[in-house]
Amino acid sequence: MAAKYDFKPMPHAKGDDKPQLMYPRIVNKGTIDTERLVSDISHMSSFTPGDIKGLLAAFEDRISYYLSEGHHVQMGNMGFFSAGLTARPVEDKGEIHAQSISFGKVNFRVSPAFRKQCGGFLERVRPGYGFRQSQEVSGGERYRRLTAYLDTHPFITRKEYSGITGLLKNKALNDLNLLVNKGYLETMGRGSHKVYVRPMKQEVTEENC
């Protein structure tokens, strides 16, 4: 089965009137979790799911240990793990001490052989099935749509807000959370049951948005 790709616009600086360039990227089909990997490997080998999970736990333990000791760790033919540090930049080494330096992200450098092994066939996705982008709707218009919705509904969900504004999930959440932080909305419920309502004691006005 071929991997699907689509084109994404390359962002450029504000005020740049040059035509926006596009570059191809693979369209994610979803995440294969550990349980799926364990099940696949178990069916392809003589290892039981328990054997595989035990080995994964042992690899995680040893890899994290050696990284904490300052080693690089090779993972078969896939590549190398290494640890990075987090600290502010300084001009003089004496300006910073060990207490201000900490382990940061863990890096993984893929080997050329594994990178080549991951290569497969590519085909363009059908129109309408590629990357989605938030619609270009002004903040004032988004707020007008929100207030109009709340005039006829007791609350709004993130999904419903995305539907009326054209914003994708993360941008819609940022919008709603900003309104909550400013006191223009309140939340009820948690997780997937969270909804957004007008404040009980404050009327929201468009001028305050």
Protein backbone atom coordinates (compact mmCIF):
# COMPACT_ATOMS: atom_id res chain seq x y z
CA MET A 1 0.00 0.00 0.00
CA ALA A 2 1.33 3.41 -0.95
CA ALA A 3 1.87 6.32 1.41
CA LYS A 4 -0.32 9.33 0.63
CA TYR A 5 1.08 12.82 0.24
CA ASP A 6 -0.31 16.30 -0.18
CA PHE A 7 1.13 19.80 -0.41
CA LYS A 8 1.38 22.29 2.47
CA PRO A 9 2.07 25.99 2.01
CA MET A 10 5.39 27.21 3.35
CA PRO A 11 4.86 30.13 5.75
CA HIS A 12 6.76 33.33 5.02
CA ALA A 13 7.29 36.64 6.75
CA LYS A 14 4.42 39.10 7.06
CA GLY A 15 4.35 41.62 4.27
CA ASP A 16 6.11 39.27 1.86
CA ASP A 17 4.13 39.47 -1.38
CA LYS A 18 6.01 36.67 -3.12
CA PRO A 19 3.94 33.66 -4.26
CA GLN A 20 3.60 31.16 -1.42
CA LEU A 21 5.68 28.06 -2.05
CA MET A 22 4.32 24.62 -1.30
CA TYR A 23 6.13 21.46 -0.29
CA PRO A 24 4.95 17.82 -0.23
CA ARG A 25 4.42 16.01 3.07
CA ILE A 26 3.08 12.57 3.97
CA VAL A 27 -0.52 12.61 5.19
CA ASN A 28 -0.66 10.83 8.54
CA LYS A 29 -2.96 7.80 8.48
CA GLY A 30 -2.98 7.52 12.27
CA THR A 31 -0.73 6.26 15.05
CA ILE A 32 0.21 2.60 15.45
CA ASP A 33 0.28 2.06 19.21
CA THR A 34 2.38 -0.37 21.23
CA GLU A 35 -0.40 -2.94 21.49
CA ARG A 36 -0.64 -3.12 17.69
CA LEU A 37 3.13 -3.51 17.36
CA VAL A 38 3.19 -6.22 20.04
CA SER A 39 0.34 -8.07 18.35
CA ASP A 40 1.96 -7.88 14.89
CA ILE A 41 5.36 -9.05 16.12
CA SER A 42 3.81 -11.86 18.15
CA HIS A 43 1.94 -13.18 15.10
CA MET A 44 5.10 -12.94 12.98
CA SER A 45 7.37 -14.74 15.47
CA SER A 46 7.47 -17.29 18.26
CA PHE A 47 7.52 -14.56 20.95
CA THR A 48 4.48 -14.20 23.17
CA PRO A 49 2.98 -10.73 23.78
CA GLY A 50 4.34 -10.95 27.33
CA ASP A 51 7.86 -11.67 26.02
CA ILE A 52 7.73 -8.65 23.71
CA LYS A 53 6.38 -6.28 26.38
CA GLY A 54 9.07 -7.47 28.78
CA LEU A 55 11.79 -6.80 26.21
CA LEU A 56 10.39 -3.34 25.46
CA ALA A 57 10.40 -2.48 29.16
CA ALA A 58 13.98 -3.73 29.47
CA PHE A 59 15.09 -1.65 26.46
CA GLU A 60 13.44 1.47 27.88
CA ASP A 61 15.15 0.93 31.24
CA ARG A 62 18.63 0.35 29.82
CA ILE A 63 18.44 3.09 27.19
CA SER A 64 17.33 5.71 29.71
CA TYR A 65 20.04 4.58 32.14
CA TYR A 66 22.90 4.86 29.64
CA LEU A 67 21.62 8.20 28.34
CA SER A 68 21.57 9.52 31.91
CA GLU A 69 25.22 8.44 32.20
CA GLY A 70 26.21 10.46 29.13
CA HIS A 71 26.38 7.66 26.56
CA HIS A 72 24.97 7.48 23.06
CA VAL A 73 22.92 4.31 22.54
CA GLN A 74 22.64 2.43 19.26
CA MET A 75 19.26 0.79 18.61
CA GLY A 76 19.95 -2.02 16.17
CA ASN A 77 20.20 -0.74 12.61
CA MET A 78 17.65 2.01 13.22
CA GLY A 79 19.95 4.67 14.63
CA PHE A 80 21.31 6.30 17.78
CA PHE A 81 19.78 7.88 20.88
CA SER A 82 21.48 10.82 22.56
CA ALA A 83 20.48 13.22 25.33
CA GLY A 84 20.46 17.01 25.04
CA LEU A 85 20.80 19.71 27.70
CA THR A 86 18.67 22.72 28.53
CA ALA A 87 20.35 25.93 29.73
CA ARG A 88 20.53 29.62 28.92
CA PRO A 89 23.35 30.76 26.60
CA VAL A 90 26.28 32.53 28.27
CA GLU A 91 29.38 34.42 27.15
CA ASP A 92 31.45 33.32 30.15
CA LYS A 93 31.47 29.73 31.44
CA GLY A 94 31.54 31.08 34.99
CA GLU A 95 28.11 32.68 34.55
CA ILE A 96 26.26 29.39 34.86
CA HIS A 97 26.47 26.47 37.28
CA ALA A 98 25.41 22.83 37.21
CA GLN A 99 22.23 23.64 39.14
CA SER A 100 21.03 25.73 36.18
CA ILE A 101 21.70 23.02 33.59
CA SER A 102 19.33 20.10 33.11
CA PHE A 103 18.69 17.21 30.76
CA GLY A 104 16.43 18.36 27.94
CA LYS A 105 15.02 16.48 25.00
CA VAL A 106 16.17 13.05 23.85
CA ASN A 107 17.39 12.99 20.25
CA PHE A 108 17.22 10.10 17.82
CA ARG A 109 19.48 10.12 14.76
CA VAL A 110 18.19 7.74 12.11
CA SER A 111 20.77 5.66 10.25
CA PRO A 112 20.95 5.98 6.43
CA ALA A 113 20.19 2.27 6.07
CA PHE A 114 16.98 2.49 8.13
CA ARG A 115 15.92 5.69 6.38
CA LYS A 116 16.26 3.87 3.06
CA GLN A 117 14.34 0.88 4.43
CA CYS A 118 11.40 3.15 5.33
CA GLY A 119 11.07 4.38 1.76
CA GLY A 120 8.05 3.13 -0.17
CA PHE A 121 5.66 4.06 -2.95
CA LEU A 122 3.95 7.45 -2.93
CA GLU A 123 0.72 8.68 -4.44
CA ARG A 124 -1.18 11.96 -4.21
CA VAL A 125 -4.29 12.00 -2.04
CA ARG A 126 -7.64 12.61 -3.65
CA PRO A 127 -8.94 16.19 -3.45
CA GLY A 128 -10.59 16.85 -0.10
CA TYR A 129 -8.63 14.14 1.74
CA GLY A 130 -5.33 15.95 2.30
CA PHE A 131 -4.19 18.49 4.85
CA ARG A 132 -6.87 20.65 6.37
CA GLN A 133 -6.32 24.30 7.24
CA SER A 134 -8.23 26.70 9.42
CA GLN A 135 -10.37 29.13 7.49
CA GLU A 136 -9.26 32.75 7.36
CA VAL A 137 -11.97 34.31 9.51
CA SER A 138 -11.26 37.50 11.48
CA GLY A 139 -11.41 37.53 15.26
CA GLY A 140 -14.37 39.90 15.20
CA GLU A 141 -16.34 37.65 12.86
CA ARG A 142 -15.52 34.56 14.92
CA TYR A 143 -16.78 36.34 18.03
CA ARG A 144 -19.96 37.45 16.25
CA ARG A 145 -20.65 33.86 15.25
CA LEU A 146 -19.97 32.69 18.82
CA THR A 147 -22.35 35.20 20.42
CA ALA A 148 -25.02 34.44 17.83
CA TYR A 149 -24.69 30.73 18.64
CA LEU A 150 -24.90 31.33 22.41
CA ASP A 151 -28.02 33.45 21.89
CA THR A 152 -29.86 30.28 20.92
CA HIS A 153 -27.87 27.59 22.75
CA PRO A 154 -27.01 27.24 26.48
CA PHE A 155 -23.41 26.20 25.77
CA ILE A 156 -20.95 25.43 22.98
CA THR A 157 -18.40 22.63 22.61
CA ARG A 158 -15.00 22.89 20.98
CA LYS A 159 -16.25 20.83 18.05
CA GLU A 160 -19.25 23.11 17.56
CA TYR A 161 -17.00 26.18 17.76
CA SER A 162 -14.78 24.66 15.06
CA GLY A 163 -17.87 24.12 12.96
CA ILE A 164 -19.09 27.72 13.09
CA THR A 165 -15.68 29.36 12.72
CA GLY A 166 -13.78 26.97 10.43
CA LEU A 167 -10.89 26.67 12.91
CA LEU A 168 -9.12 23.36 13.37
CA LYS A 169 -8.97 21.76 16.82
CA ASN A 170 -5.86 23.41 18.29
CA LYS A 171 -6.66 26.91 17.05
CA ALA A 172 -10.26 26.57 18.23
CA LEU A 173 -9.06 25.52 21.69
CA ASN A 174 -6.65 28.46 21.80
CA ASP A 175 -9.50 30.82 20.91
CA LEU A 176 -11.84 29.44 23.55
CA ASN A 177 -9.19 29.26 26.27
CA LEU A 178 -8.20 32.87 25.60
CA LEU A 179 -11.82 33.94 26.09
CA VAL A 180 -11.94 31.90 29.31
CA ASN A 181 -8.72 33.50 30.60
CA LYS A 182 -10.14 36.95 29.88
CA GLY A 183 -13.35 36.09 31.74
CA TYR A 184 -15.58 36.26 28.67
CA LEU A 185 -16.46 32.54 28.86
CA GLU A 186 -16.60 29.91 31.59
CA THR A 187 -16.16 26.15 31.37
CA MET A 188 -18.26 23.30 32.68
CA GLY A 189 -17.28 19.65 32.79
CA ARG A 190 -13.90 18.09 32.02
CA GLY A 191 -12.08 16.35 29.20
CA SER A 192 -14.32 15.33 26.33
CA HIS A 193 -17.35 16.59 28.28
CA LYS A 194 -16.08 20.16 28.66
CA VAL A 195 -18.40 22.86 27.38
CA TYR A 196 -18.15 26.65 27.25
CA VAL A 197 -20.84 28.96 28.60
CA ARG A 198 -21.35 32.67 29.13
CA PRO A 199 -20.27 33.93 32.56
CA MET A 200 -23.06 33.89 35.10
CA LYS A 201 -22.44 37.44 36.35
CA GLN A 202 -20.91 39.18 33.37
CA GLU A 203 -22.41 39.96 30.01
CA VAL A 204 -19.98 39.52 27.17
CA THR A 205 -19.72 42.47 24.78
CA GLU A 206 -18.03 42.53 21.40
CA GLU A 207 -15.92 45.53 22.47
CA ASN A 208 -14.26 43.42 25.20
CA CYS A 209 -13.17 40.64 22.86
